[in-house]
Amino acid sequence: MTPFAKDPRPMPLSREVLDELMDENLTTEIGDSGSAFKAALDAAYTSHTEVAAAVAPKLDTTAAVATYLSKTDAATTYENPQRRQDLLWRVRKMLATGTGTILCFGDSWTEGTRGSDLPWLRYVDHLSTGFRRAGQPAGIAGGMYIPSYATYATKLPANWVYTGTTVQKQVSGMGYYNIEMSNASTASLTFTGTGFKIHWDRRTDGATAVGVTIDGVSVGTIDSSGAAHYGMTTSFTGLNPGKHTIALTVTTGTVFSFQGAYAFNGDETNGIKLYTSGRSGIKSDAVTQVGFVGNLQATAPDLITFEYGINDYRNAIPVATFKANLASAIDVIRSRSVDATASIAIISCPEAVIGGTPAVAPWADYKAAMAALATEKNVLLIDLTPVFGTGVLTETTGLADTDHVHPNDAGHLAIANKIVSEIVPTAVRAPVPNEKLFIPAGLFVGQTLETISNMQVDRPLRDAQSDIAAVNVSIPTDWRAFDADLIFFNKSANSGDVRLRLITGTIPIGKAAANDIDFQATITAGAQNIATVAKSFVAGLTTDPSGLAKFMVSRLGSDAADTLVGDIGLFGILLRRTK
């Protein structure tokens, strides 16, 4: 009943790949629920065939679209009014064709700082899985990018091993991770897949030849001589599916700048690839580095996400500078022929603990700058406030690390849920009838119902009390997915926020129930006796063939985020069909 099942091991690769990447003990510890996870995602998303059918009318051959597809360097190309109104056109095309690339820029949230020291648990890993389930052709497992080195290497399923003289740099590559390899040095990686794309830089300080072997057999040489250029790639494909070891050896010259490699797993031609360009501690000025353009050229992304701002805030970078950096990045993307039409999303994170440097502005100003920029540049804004709540990040939400700066494993999954629910349904789902189903307060079991002067019936949710208003309902079986709105009102004359919780799940017939969805959010209570609608409190829920579902609503009055002194009344839940 959610864009992602609550599975401890969502993964972009097959179970067979996981078995080969991890030892038996680790595999056993993580568990084997991949098939259930896949089934949940398959049920949650429109199939590739249906996506193509729904999107085909949008990919017409009019002159406007033909001009847009030409990808010229003219700055006015993007200004085509037909396409400016469609922020997700490239995402639509990616999901319709089953082929494309996602490039995620960001800081420690994107790199995966904190949480478990295991692979496949970062929000970018969950994103890869979600988008692939939404549009990747059947039979393609999909690979991943492995940087030349990483601060948090345990987050990756495999890492490069070096011999000889190497120097870790921060100039180019995803997350600005690149290694300078001297003559006679080697780099090797063992991975399960069908080929490799080597990412490297061409340097002016000495022509360098790099020999490449796969499974001990020479497959070619990378010649890095010529004019300096960041973001070069060389591919070696055609391998049989399975485990392979690639080795690079610098044979001539002085230095080879090595960024990393994308390990293909059936997705050389078709499939959805995701590149992670996150680095702990990095600020928005990362987009002004020379390696930024190289990343764009090397990947030609269809969707680009920016998750920056927390380190700008914690390091007293002026809001105007932060906004200007992101604006510059968007301008650079739209000025380049390979990326001018890319869909762009800005991810707006919750406030983090400030640290040792006093802030030059409140975090709300940085969030306002992101919102304003999204409007000015016509890009998508994904605000994570509904996920983590307002105020400083705390572990009381169950989604944050104890450092009050980073998300935990559950937080990473929640981030991916939010991003996918904002992008994928909008990009692929066809219009559906405006069908609604209201579940009134009178159907909820628990405390006695109450009324106010105008005879509105409500189910009270007391302050600092943890009772649950529960109901089982029947949902039309032709509904494939729906959003749930909570409708309540403030029963007191006081003002403040309430922390609400909704647990929901399907009630299948003749089989075990799937994991429940447990969603929490902080909502402003509003004025006394005035109805408040928490719109899309939970989005993208999916139905079971039985058509039966359960909903349990509670108020977490003892939570620090719940500041309302007084009770609220639950009118009910409004279910809105989305497909």
Protein backbone atom coordinates (compact mmCIF):
# COMPACT_ATOMS: atom_id res chain seq x y z
CA MET A 1 0.00 0.00 0.00
CA THR A 2 2.93 2.30 -0.50
CA PRO A 3 5.34 3.26 -3.27
CA PHE A 4 7.85 1.10 -1.40
CA ALA A 5 7.28 -1.87 0.81
CA LYS A 6 8.78 -1.51 4.27
CA ASP A 7 11.52 -3.95 3.35
CA PRO A 8 14.90 -3.89 5.16
CA ARG A 9 16.76 -4.59 1.96
CA PRO A 10 15.36 -2.73 -1.07
CA MET A 11 17.95 -3.23 -3.79
CA PRO A 12 18.47 -2.24 -7.41
CA LEU A 13 20.06 -5.60 -8.33
CA SER A 14 18.73 -9.13 -8.36
CA ARG A 15 18.90 -11.60 -5.50
CA GLU A 16 21.51 -13.57 -7.46
CA VAL A 17 23.70 -10.50 -7.65
CA LEU A 18 23.34 -9.85 -3.92
CA ASP A 19 24.38 -13.41 -3.12
CA GLU A 20 27.58 -12.98 -5.08
CA LEU A 21 28.38 -9.57 -3.63
CA MET A 22 27.94 -10.44 0.03
CA ASP A 23 29.12 -13.32 2.16
CA GLU A 24 26.58 -15.81 3.46
CA ASN A 25 26.44 -14.38 6.96
CA LEU A 26 25.62 -10.87 5.76
CA THR A 27 23.02 -12.17 3.33
CA THR A 28 21.38 -14.13 6.10
CA GLU A 29 21.40 -11.14 8.42
CA ILE A 30 19.70 -8.90 5.92
CA GLY A 31 17.03 -11.45 5.11
CA ASP A 32 15.28 -12.67 2.00
CA SER A 33 12.23 -10.57 1.26
CA GLY A 34 13.24 -9.36 -2.18
CA SER A 35 10.40 -11.18 -3.95
CA ALA A 36 7.80 -9.60 -1.67
CA PHE A 37 9.44 -6.23 -2.17
CA LYS A 38 9.34 -6.58 -5.94
CA ALA A 39 5.71 -7.69 -5.85
CA ALA A 40 4.76 -4.65 -3.79
CA LEU A 41 6.52 -2.31 -6.18
CA ASP A 42 5.06 -4.03 -9.22
CA ALA A 43 1.63 -3.54 -7.73
CA ALA A 44 2.32 0.08 -6.87
CA TYR A 45 3.47 1.27 -10.26
CA THR A 46 2.06 1.38 -13.72
CA SER A 47 3.66 -1.22 -15.98
CA HIS A 48 6.13 -0.27 -18.70
CA THR A 49 3.56 -1.05 -21.41
CA GLU A 50 0.89 1.06 -19.73
CA VAL A 51 3.34 3.91 -19.25
CA ALA A 52 4.23 3.88 -22.92
CA ALA A 53 0.58 3.92 -23.89
CA ALA A 54 -0.19 6.78 -21.53
CA VAL A 55 2.78 8.87 -22.54
CA ALA A 56 2.79 8.24 -26.29
CA PRO A 57 0.33 11.07 -27.04
CA LYS A 58 2.71 13.51 -25.36
CA LEU A 59 5.65 12.46 -27.52
CA ASP A 60 4.15 13.74 -30.74
CA THR A 61 5.99 14.99 -33.79
CA THR A 62 4.91 18.60 -33.81
CA ALA A 63 7.39 21.26 -34.81
CA ALA A 64 7.65 22.40 -31.22
CA VAL A 65 8.66 18.97 -29.98
CA ALA A 66 10.98 18.41 -32.91
CA THR A 67 12.75 21.64 -32.04
CA TYR A 68 12.92 20.59 -28.42
CA LEU A 69 14.38 17.20 -29.27
CA SER A 70 17.07 18.72 -31.48
CA LYS A 71 18.96 19.72 -28.28
CA THR A 72 20.68 22.69 -29.81
CA ASP A 73 22.87 25.01 -27.77
CA ALA A 74 20.53 27.95 -28.34
CA ALA A 75 19.59 29.47 -25.00
CA THR A 76 16.02 29.97 -26.24
CA THR A 77 15.41 26.26 -26.82
CA TYR A 78 14.19 25.67 -23.29
CA GLU A 79 11.96 28.70 -23.47
CA ASN A 80 9.51 26.81 -25.67
CA PRO A 81 6.28 27.51 -23.74
CA GLN A 82 4.86 24.08 -24.45
CA ARG A 83 7.74 22.39 -22.65
CA ARG A 84 8.26 24.96 -19.90
CA GLN A 85 4.91 23.89 -18.52
CA ASP A 86 5.97 20.25 -18.32
CA LEU A 87 8.70 19.98 -15.69
CA LEU A 88 8.89 16.21 -16.06
CA TRP A 89 8.92 15.79 -19.83
CA ARG A 90 12.28 14.02 -19.86
CA VAL A 91 11.18 11.78 -16.99
CA ARG A 92 8.06 10.88 -18.96
CA LYS A 93 10.20 9.92 -21.92
CA MET A 94 12.61 7.94 -19.73
CA LEU A 95 9.82 5.89 -18.16
CA ALA A 96 8.02 5.44 -21.48
CA THR A 97 11.09 4.13 -23.29
CA GLY A 98 12.62 2.34 -20.32
CA THR A 99 15.94 4.05 -20.98
CA GLY A 100 17.54 7.01 -19.23
CA THR A 101 19.83 8.31 -16.53
CA ILE A 102 19.30 9.95 -13.13
CA LEU A 103 22.07 12.07 -11.58
CA CYS A 104 21.79 12.94 -7.88
CA PHE A 105 23.96 15.79 -6.56
CA GLY A 106 24.15 16.40 -2.84
CA ASP A 107 25.98 16.33 0.46
CA SER A 108 26.20 13.70 3.21
CA TRP A 109 22.47 12.92 2.91
CA THR A 110 23.04 11.85 -0.69
CA GLU A 111 26.31 10.06 0.07
CA GLY A 112 24.65 8.13 2.89
CA THR A 113 26.38 9.31 6.06
CA ARG A 114 25.28 7.60 9.31
CA GLY A 115 22.72 4.80 9.44
CA SER A 116 23.74 1.17 8.98
CA ASP A 117 27.13 0.35 7.46
CA LEU A 118 25.50 -1.80 4.79
CA PRO A 119 24.84 -1.39 1.07
CA TRP A 120 21.48 -0.66 -0.58
CA LEU A 121 20.09 1.48 2.28
CA ARG A 122 20.72 5.03 1.01
CA TYR A 123 17.83 7.00 -0.42
CA VAL A 124 19.58 7.02 -3.79
CA ASP A 125 19.62 3.20 -3.77
CA HIS A 126 15.89 3.18 -3.05
CA LEU A 127 15.37 5.72 -5.85
CA SER A 128 17.16 3.44 -8.28
CA THR A 129 14.85 0.59 -7.33
CA GLY A 130 11.71 2.71 -7.51
CA PHE A 131 12.37 4.20 -10.93
CA ARG A 132 13.41 0.85 -12.33
CA ARG A 133 10.21 -0.76 -11.12
CA ALA A 134 8.29 2.10 -12.71
CA GLY A 135 9.80 1.95 -16.16
CA GLN A 136 12.67 -0.46 -16.70
CA PRO A 137 12.07 -3.24 -19.26
CA ALA A 138 11.65 -6.73 -17.85
CA GLY A 139 14.75 -8.87 -17.67
CA ILE A 140 17.21 -6.03 -17.02
CA ALA A 141 18.68 -6.13 -13.52
CA GLY A 142 20.59 -2.85 -13.81
CA GLY A 143 24.03 -1.90 -12.53
CA MET A 144 25.46 0.93 -10.49
CA TYR A 145 28.28 3.47 -10.33
CA ILE A 146 31.27 2.68 -8.10
CA PRO A 147 33.47 5.75 -7.43
CA SER A 148 37.26 5.52 -7.34
CA TYR A 149 37.06 5.85 -3.56
CA ALA A 150 34.48 6.91 -1.00
CA THR A 151 34.42 8.21 2.55
CA TYR A 152 31.75 5.68 3.48
CA ALA A 153 32.89 2.66 1.49
CA THR A 154 30.66 0.24 3.42
CA LYS A 155 27.63 1.82 1.75
CA LEU A 156 28.79 0.30 -1.54
CA PRO A 157 28.57 -3.38 -2.53
CA ALA A 158 32.14 -3.36 -3.87
CA ASN A 159 35.19 -1.07 -3.78
CA TRP A 160 38.31 -0.49 -5.83
CA VAL A 161 41.63 -1.95 -4.67
CA TYR A 162 44.90 -0.16 -5.55
CA THR A 163 48.59 -0.94 -5.77
CA GLY A 164 51.45 1.45 -6.40
CA THR A 165 51.39 5.21 -5.87
CA THR A 166 47.96 6.83 -5.83
CA VAL A 167 46.67 10.12 -4.43
CA GLN A 168 43.06 10.78 -3.42
CA LYS A 169 41.78 14.05 -4.92
CA GLN A 170 38.56 16.09 -4.83
CA VAL A 171 38.46 17.64 -8.28
CA SER A 172 36.23 15.58 -10.56
CA GLY A 173 33.99 12.55 -10.66
CA MET A 174 30.77 11.75 -8.87
CA GLY A 175 30.93 13.34 -5.44
CA TYR A 176 34.23 14.85 -6.59
CA TYR A 177 36.00 11.59 -5.84
CA ASN A 178 38.94 11.00 -8.17
CA ILE A 179 42.25 9.18 -7.79
CA GLU A 180 45.52 10.24 -9.40
CA MET A 181 47.31 7.04 -10.43
CA SER A 182 51.04 7.18 -11.11
CA ASN A 183 52.99 5.05 -13.57
CA ALA A 184 52.82 1.30 -12.80
CA SER A 185 49.96 1.71 -10.32
CA THR A 186 46.87 -0.48 -10.65
CA ALA A 187 43.17 -0.36 -9.76
CA SER A 188 40.92 -3.42 -9.71
CA LEU A 189 37.25 -4.08 -8.99
CA THR A 190 35.25 -7.32 -8.76
CA PHE A 191 31.58 -6.93 -9.58
CA THR A 192 28.66 -8.87 -10.94
CA GLY A 193 27.50 -7.58 -14.30
CA THR A 194 27.93 -7.54 -18.06
CA GLY A 195 30.36 -4.68 -18.71
CA PHE A 196 32.00 -1.48 -17.49
CA LYS A 197 32.11 2.20 -18.38
CA ILE A 198 35.32 3.76 -17.07
CA HIS A 199 35.07 7.45 -16.08
CA TRP A 200 38.33 9.42 -16.27
CA ASP A 201 39.89 12.83 -17.00
CA ARG A 202 42.22 13.83 -19.78
CA ARG A 203 45.22 15.73 -18.40
CA THR A 204 47.89 17.98 -19.93
CA ASP A 205 50.70 16.97 -17.57
CA GLY A 206 51.89 13.98 -19.53
CA ALA A 207 50.36 11.53 -22.02
CA THR A 208 49.27 8.36 -20.24
CA ALA A 209 48.30 4.94 -21.51
CA VAL A 210 46.23 2.66 -19.28
CA GLY A 211 45.96 -1.03 -20.01
CA VAL A 212 42.61 -2.68 -19.23
CA THR A 213 42.06 -6.36 -18.48
CA ILE A 214 38.86 -8.19 -17.59
CA ASP A 215 39.22 -11.53 -15.86
CA GLY A 216 42.93 -11.44 -16.67
CA VAL A 217 42.46 -10.95 -20.41
CA SER A 218 43.53 -7.72 -22.12
CA VAL A 219 40.55 -5.91 -23.64
CA GLY A 220 42.13 -2.64 -24.70
CA THR A 221 43.96 0.53 -23.73
CA ILE A 222 42.77 3.95 -22.61
CA ASP A 223 44.77 6.71 -24.30
CA SER A 224 44.47 9.86 -22.19
CA SER A 225 46.66 12.07 -24.34
CA GLY A 226 45.33 15.31 -25.83
CA ALA A 227 43.72 18.51 -24.61
CA ALA A 228 42.55 18.58 -20.99
CA HIS A 229 38.96 17.51 -20.52
CA TYR A 230 36.95 16.39 -17.50
CA GLY A 231 34.37 13.66 -17.79
CA MET A 232 35.81 11.24 -20.36
CA THR A 233 34.42 7.70 -20.61
CA THR A 234 35.53 4.41 -22.16
CA SER A 235 33.27 1.35 -22.23
CA PHE A 236 34.03 -2.37 -22.29
CA THR A 237 30.91 -4.46 -22.82
CA GLY A 238 29.70 -7.78 -24.15
CA LEU A 239 30.51 -9.89 -21.09
CA ASN A 240 28.45 -12.87 -20.07
CA PRO A 241 26.30 -12.15 -16.99
CA GLY A 242 28.18 -13.02 -13.82
CA LYS A 243 31.08 -12.03 -11.63
CA HIS A 244 34.01 -10.28 -13.34
CA THR A 245 37.18 -8.49 -12.28
CA ILE A 246 38.39 -5.45 -14.18
CA ALA A 247 41.93 -4.14 -13.71
CA LEU A 248 43.51 -0.85 -14.84
CA THR A 249 47.30 -0.51 -15.08
CA VAL A 250 49.06 2.77 -15.87
CA THR A 251 51.72 1.77 -18.40
CA THR A 252 53.16 5.07 -19.65
CA GLY A 253 53.10 8.73 -18.64
CA THR A 254 53.04 10.51 -15.33
CA VAL A 255 49.50 10.51 -13.93
CA PHE A 256 46.06 9.14 -14.78
CA SER A 257 43.02 10.84 -13.21
CA PHE A 258 40.54 8.05 -12.51
CA GLN A 259 36.99 8.83 -11.37
CA GLY A 260 35.34 5.43 -11.12
CA ALA A 261 33.21 3.12 -13.25
CA TYR A 262 29.62 2.27 -13.97
CA ALA A 263 29.26 -1.50 -13.77
CA PHE A 264 26.62 -2.53 -16.31
CA ASN A 265 24.27 -5.37 -15.52
CA GLY A 266 22.27 -5.76 -18.69
CA ASP A 267 21.64 -2.00 -18.98
CA GLU A 268 24.27 -1.05 -21.53
CA THR A 269 21.66 0.05 -24.08
CA ASN A 270 18.31 -0.03 -22.29
CA GLY A 271 17.45 0.47 -18.67
CA ILE A 272 17.46 3.26 -16.10
CA LYS A 273 20.85 4.15 -14.64
CA LEU A 274 21.44 6.20 -11.49
CA TYR A 275 24.64 8.06 -10.63
CA THR A 276 25.24 9.24 -7.07
CA SER A 277 27.28 12.44 -6.77
CA GLY A 278 27.14 13.02 -3.02
CA ARG A 279 29.93 14.00 -0.66
CA SER A 280 29.86 14.63 3.07
CA GLY A 281 30.45 18.24 4.07
CA ILE A 282 30.05 19.65 0.58
CA LYS A 283 28.23 22.95 0.01
CA SER A 284 26.33 24.41 -2.91
CA ASP A 285 29.52 25.90 -4.35
CA ALA A 286 30.35 22.35 -5.50
CA VAL A 287 28.34 23.10 -8.64
CA THR A 288 30.86 25.82 -9.56
CA GLN A 289 33.79 23.37 -9.73
CA VAL A 290 35.16 22.27 -13.09
CA GLY A 291 34.16 18.68 -12.43
CA PHE A 292 30.46 19.60 -12.35
CA VAL A 293 30.23 20.06 -16.11
CA GLY A 294 32.23 16.88 -16.63
CA ASN A 295 29.64 14.92 -14.68
CA LEU A 296 26.89 16.27 -16.92
CA GLN A 297 28.75 15.46 -20.11
CA ALA A 298 29.67 11.95 -19.00
CA THR A 299 26.12 10.96 -18.04
CA ALA A 300 23.70 13.07 -20.16
CA PRO A 301 21.05 12.78 -17.40
CA ASP A 302 17.30 12.88 -17.94
CA LEU A 303 16.61 13.78 -14.30
CA ILE A 304 18.94 15.81 -12.07
CA THR A 305 18.33 16.29 -8.35
CA PHE A 306 20.05 18.81 -6.09
CA GLU A 307 20.16 18.16 -2.35
CA TYR A 308 22.21 21.04 -0.95
CA GLY A 309 21.80 23.69 1.72
CA ILE A 310 22.39 22.06 5.09
CA ASN A 311 26.16 22.69 4.99
CA ASP A 312 25.64 26.20 3.63
CA TYR A 313 23.41 26.88 6.63
CA ARG A 314 25.78 25.24 9.12
CA ASN A 315 28.80 27.10 7.67
CA ALA A 316 27.20 30.56 7.56
CA ILE A 317 27.08 30.84 3.77
CA PRO A 318 24.77 33.76 2.90
CA VAL A 319 21.37 32.80 1.56
CA ALA A 320 21.92 34.92 -1.55
CA THR A 321 25.15 33.05 -2.31
CA PHE A 322 23.47 29.70 -1.80
CA LYS A 323 20.63 30.62 -4.15
CA ALA A 324 23.03 32.05 -6.74
CA ASN A 325 25.06 28.82 -6.75
CA LEU A 326 22.01 26.68 -7.50
CA ALA A 327 20.77 29.17 -10.08
CA SER A 328 24.15 29.01 -11.80
CA ALA A 329 24.01 25.21 -11.88
CA ILE A 330 20.58 25.25 -13.51
CA ASP A 331 21.76 27.78 -16.08
CA VAL A 332 24.80 25.62 -16.88
CA ILE A 333 22.58 22.55 -17.38
CA ARG A 334 20.26 24.39 -19.73
CA SER A 335 23.07 25.88 -21.75
CA ARG A 336 24.60 22.52 -22.67
CA SER A 337 23.41 20.58 -25.67
CA VAL A 338 23.20 17.17 -23.96
CA ASP A 339 21.32 18.35 -20.89
CA ALA A 340 19.34 21.43 -21.91
CA THR A 341 16.04 19.57 -21.66
CA ALA A 342 16.75 17.59 -18.48
CA SER A 343 14.14 17.55 -15.74
CA ILE A 344 15.48 19.17 -12.56
CA ALA A 345 14.32 18.78 -8.96
CA ILE A 346 15.49 20.67 -5.86
CA ILE A 347 15.19 18.66 -2.63
CA SER A 348 14.46 20.87 0.38
CA CYS A 349 15.63 19.17 3.59
CA PRO A 350 14.55 19.76 7.20
CA GLU A 351 16.57 21.91 9.58
CA ALA A 352 19.67 20.35 11.15
CA VAL A 353 21.53 21.14 14.35
CA ILE A 354 23.62 24.22 13.63
CA GLY A 355 27.03 23.08 14.92
CA GLY A 356 29.86 25.46 15.87
CA THR A 357 29.38 28.25 13.30
CA PRO A 358 26.58 30.74 14.07
CA ALA A 359 23.98 30.93 11.33
CA VAL A 360 23.77 34.08 9.23
CA ALA A 361 20.06 33.49 8.61
CA PRO A 362 17.34 31.11 9.84
CA TRP A 363 16.93 27.83 7.99
CA ALA A 364 13.50 29.01 6.84
CA ASP A 365 15.25 31.60 4.66
CA TYR A 366 17.23 28.89 2.86
CA LYS A 367 14.05 26.90 2.28
CA ALA A 368 12.32 30.03 1.00
CA ALA A 369 15.23 30.61 -1.40
CA MET A 370 14.85 27.10 -2.78
CA ALA A 371 11.11 27.58 -3.24
CA ALA A 372 11.62 30.92 -4.96
CA LEU A 373 14.31 29.49 -7.23
CA ALA A 374 12.07 26.59 -8.22
CA THR A 375 9.45 29.08 -9.34
CA GLU A 376 11.91 31.40 -11.09
CA LYS A 377 13.68 28.60 -12.96
CA ASN A 378 10.60 26.44 -13.48
CA VAL A 379 12.00 23.35 -11.79
CA LEU A 380 10.39 20.90 -9.40
CA LEU A 381 10.64 21.49 -5.62
CA ILE A 382 10.41 18.46 -3.34
CA ASP A 383 9.96 19.60 0.26
CA LEU A 384 10.77 16.96 2.88
CA THR A 385 8.96 18.84 5.66
CA PRO A 386 5.90 16.55 5.43
CA VAL A 387 8.25 13.62 5.99
CA PHE A 388 10.37 14.89 8.89
CA GLY A 389 8.11 17.59 10.34
CA THR A 390 8.96 21.18 11.15
CA GLY A 391 11.74 22.34 13.45
CA VAL A 392 15.18 20.90 14.06
CA LEU A 393 15.67 17.29 12.98
CA THR A 394 15.20 14.93 15.95
CA GLU A 395 15.19 11.17 16.34
CA THR A 396 11.71 11.29 17.91
CA THR A 397 10.31 11.04 14.40
CA GLY A 398 11.92 7.63 14.03
CA LEU A 399 13.56 8.85 10.83
CA ALA A 400 16.59 10.79 12.09
CA ASP A 401 20.00 9.84 13.43
CA THR A 402 20.94 10.76 16.98
CA ASP A 403 23.27 13.48 15.66
CA HIS A 404 20.18 15.54 14.62
CA VAL A 405 21.83 16.20 11.27
CA HIS A 406 21.32 13.07 9.15
CA PRO A 407 18.53 10.60 8.39
CA ASN A 408 18.73 7.02 9.61
CA ASP A 409 17.92 3.98 7.47
CA ALA A 410 14.17 4.52 7.86
CA GLY A 411 14.67 8.18 7.02
CA HIS A 412 16.44 7.31 3.77
CA LEU A 413 13.54 5.06 2.78
CA ALA A 414 11.06 7.84 3.65
CA ILE A 415 13.01 10.33 1.51
CA ALA A 416 12.90 8.00 -1.47
CA ASN A 417 9.18 7.42 -0.91
CA LYS A 418 8.59 11.17 -1.01
CA ILE A 419 10.70 11.79 -4.12
CA VAL A 420 9.21 8.92 -6.08
CA SER A 421 5.66 9.80 -5.04
CA GLU A 422 6.26 13.39 -6.21
CA ILE A 423 7.81 12.43 -9.55
CA VAL A 424 6.71 9.03 -10.77
CA PRO A 425 2.91 9.27 -10.37
CA THR A 426 2.95 12.79 -11.83
CA ALA A 427 5.03 11.63 -14.76
CA VAL A 428 3.23 8.43 -15.67
CA ARG A 429 -0.30 8.17 -14.41
CA ALA A 430 -3.12 8.97 -16.75
CA PRO A 431 -6.05 11.16 -15.63
CA VAL A 432 -8.65 9.24 -13.65
CA PRO A 433 -12.19 10.09 -12.61
CA ASN A 434 -12.45 12.43 -9.64
CA GLU A 435 -13.62 9.65 -7.35
CA LYS A 436 -13.63 9.99 -3.58
CA LEU A 437 -14.56 7.89 -0.58
CA PHE A 438 -15.13 9.51 2.81
CA ILE A 439 -14.72 7.53 6.03
CA PRO A 440 -16.64 9.50 8.71
CA ALA A 441 -15.71 9.70 12.37
CA GLY A 442 -18.75 7.68 13.31
CA LEU A 443 -17.21 4.53 11.86
CA PHE A 444 -14.07 4.68 13.99
CA VAL A 445 -14.01 2.50 17.10
CA GLY A 446 -12.58 3.78 20.36
CA GLN A 447 -13.66 6.75 22.42
CA THR A 448 -17.19 8.16 22.42
CA LEU A 449 -18.03 10.55 19.61
CA GLU A 450 -18.62 14.21 20.42
CA THR A 451 -20.36 17.13 18.77
CA ILE A 452 -19.82 20.87 18.77
CA SER A 453 -22.39 23.67 18.60
CA ASN A 454 -22.99 23.30 14.88
CA MET A 455 -23.58 19.56 15.32
CA GLN A 456 -20.41 18.40 13.58
CA VAL A 457 -19.60 14.88 14.77
CA ASP A 458 -16.01 14.15 15.61
CA ARG A 459 -13.86 11.46 17.15
CA PRO A 460 -11.76 13.24 19.84
CA LEU A 461 -7.97 12.83 19.91
CA ARG A 462 -6.85 14.07 23.30
CA ASP A 463 -3.75 16.06 24.11
CA ALA A 464 -0.86 13.89 25.43
CA GLN A 465 -2.92 10.75 24.96
CA SER A 466 -2.07 7.83 22.70
CA ASP A 467 -5.42 6.18 21.97
CA ILE A 468 -6.11 4.95 18.44
CA ALA A 469 -9.14 5.63 16.25
CA ALA A 470 -9.44 2.52 14.08
CA VAL A 471 -11.67 1.46 11.20
CA ASN A 472 -11.86 -1.26 8.55
CA VAL A 473 -13.34 -0.24 5.20
CA SER A 474 -14.02 -1.57 1.74
CA ILE A 475 -12.36 0.25 -1.15
CA PRO A 476 -13.66 -0.10 -4.74
CA THR A 477 -11.69 -2.91 -6.39
CA ASP A 478 -11.20 -0.88 -9.58
CA TRP A 479 -9.15 1.67 -7.59
CA ARG A 480 -5.47 0.89 -8.17
CA ALA A 481 -4.04 3.67 -6.00
CA PHE A 482 -5.25 6.53 -3.85
CA ASP A 483 -4.19 9.33 -1.53
CA ALA A 484 -5.51 9.74 2.01
CA ASP A 485 -6.44 13.15 3.48
CA LEU A 486 -6.98 13.55 7.24
CA ILE A 487 -9.71 16.05 8.14
CA PHE A 488 -9.77 17.38 11.70
CA PHE A 489 -10.35 20.54 13.70
CA ASN A 490 -8.93 22.27 16.77
CA LYS A 491 -11.39 21.87 19.66
CA SER A 492 -9.60 24.46 21.80
CA ALA A 493 -9.02 28.21 21.56
CA ASN A 494 -5.25 27.64 21.70
CA SER A 495 -2.93 27.57 18.71
CA GLY A 496 -0.11 25.19 17.88
CA ASP A 497 0.92 22.10 15.94
CA VAL A 498 -0.27 18.51 16.34
CA ARG A 499 1.73 15.38 15.62
CA LEU A 500 -0.53 12.91 13.82
CA ARG A 501 0.09 9.28 12.97
CA LEU A 502 -1.64 7.06 10.44
CA ILE A 503 -1.08 3.31 10.29
CA THR A 504 -2.68 1.65 7.31
CA GLY A 505 -2.54 -1.63 5.47
CA THR A 506 -4.50 -4.00 3.29
CA ILE A 507 -6.55 -6.93 4.55
CA PRO A 508 -5.94 -9.71 2.00
CA ILE A 509 -8.12 -12.79 1.84
CA GLY A 510 -6.49 -16.18 2.17
CA LYS A 511 -2.93 -14.93 2.57
CA ALA A 512 -0.71 -13.15 5.07
CA ALA A 513 -1.08 -9.39 5.38
CA ALA A 514 1.67 -7.17 4.00
CA ASN A 515 3.64 -4.84 6.26
CA ASP A 516 1.65 -1.89 7.52
CA ILE A 517 2.57 1.66 6.58
CA ASP A 518 3.35 3.86 9.55
CA PHE A 519 3.36 7.53 8.58
CA GLN A 520 3.73 10.57 10.84
CA ALA A 521 3.58 14.30 10.21
CA THR A 522 3.30 17.54 12.12
CA ILE A 523 0.31 19.69 11.08
CA THR A 524 -0.74 23.20 12.18
CA ALA A 525 -4.00 22.80 14.10
CA GLY A 526 -5.70 25.93 12.76
CA ALA A 527 -8.36 28.09 14.40
CA GLN A 528 -10.91 26.71 16.84
CA ASN A 529 -13.74 24.65 15.27
CA ILE A 530 -12.44 25.27 11.74
CA ALA A 531 -11.82 22.16 9.64
CA THR A 532 -8.22 21.51 8.63
CA VAL A 533 -7.36 19.18 5.77
CA ALA A 534 -4.00 17.42 5.90
CA LYS A 535 -3.98 16.88 2.13
CA SER A 536 -2.18 13.77 0.87
CA PHE A 537 -1.23 12.87 4.43
CA VAL A 538 -0.23 9.58 2.86
CA ALA A 539 0.11 9.39 -0.93
CA GLY A 540 0.35 6.60 -3.46
CA LEU A 541 -1.38 3.89 -1.43
CA THR A 542 -2.30 0.80 -3.41
CA THR A 543 -5.24 -1.54 -3.10
CA ASP A 544 -5.48 -5.28 -2.54
CA PRO A 545 -7.70 -7.47 -4.74
CA SER A 546 -9.90 -8.00 -1.69
CA GLY A 547 -10.68 -4.30 -1.60
CA LEU A 548 -10.36 -4.29 2.20
CA ALA A 549 -8.13 -1.91 4.14
CA LYS A 550 -7.58 -0.75 7.71
CA PHE A 551 -6.81 2.74 9.01
CA MET A 552 -5.64 3.62 12.51
CA VAL A 553 -5.27 7.31 13.39
CA SER A 554 -3.66 8.58 16.57
CA ARG A 555 -2.26 11.78 17.98
CA LEU A 556 1.24 11.75 19.44
CA GLY A 557 0.50 14.43 21.97
CA SER A 558 3.59 13.73 24.06
CA ASP A 559 5.89 14.30 21.07
CA ALA A 560 7.95 17.48 21.30
CA ALA A 561 6.64 18.53 17.88
CA ASP A 562 3.06 18.53 19.24
CA THR A 563 2.73 22.02 20.73
CA LEU A 564 -1.07 22.40 20.88
CA VAL A 565 -2.42 22.51 24.42
CA GLY A 566 -5.87 21.11 23.87
CA ASP A 567 -7.78 18.40 22.04
CA ILE A 568 -8.55 17.96 18.36
CA GLY A 569 -11.51 16.27 16.73
CA LEU A 570 -11.15 13.86 13.81
CA PHE A 571 -13.89 14.34 11.20
CA GLY A 572 -12.69 11.43 9.13
CA ILE A 573 -10.46 10.33 6.28
CA LEU A 574 -11.05 11.30 2.68
CA LEU A 575 -9.67 8.81 0.15
CA ARG A 576 -9.03 10.23 -3.33
CA ARG A 577 -8.48 7.86 -6.23
CA THR A 578 -5.32 8.55 -8.24
CA LYS A 579 -5.42 5.65 -10.73
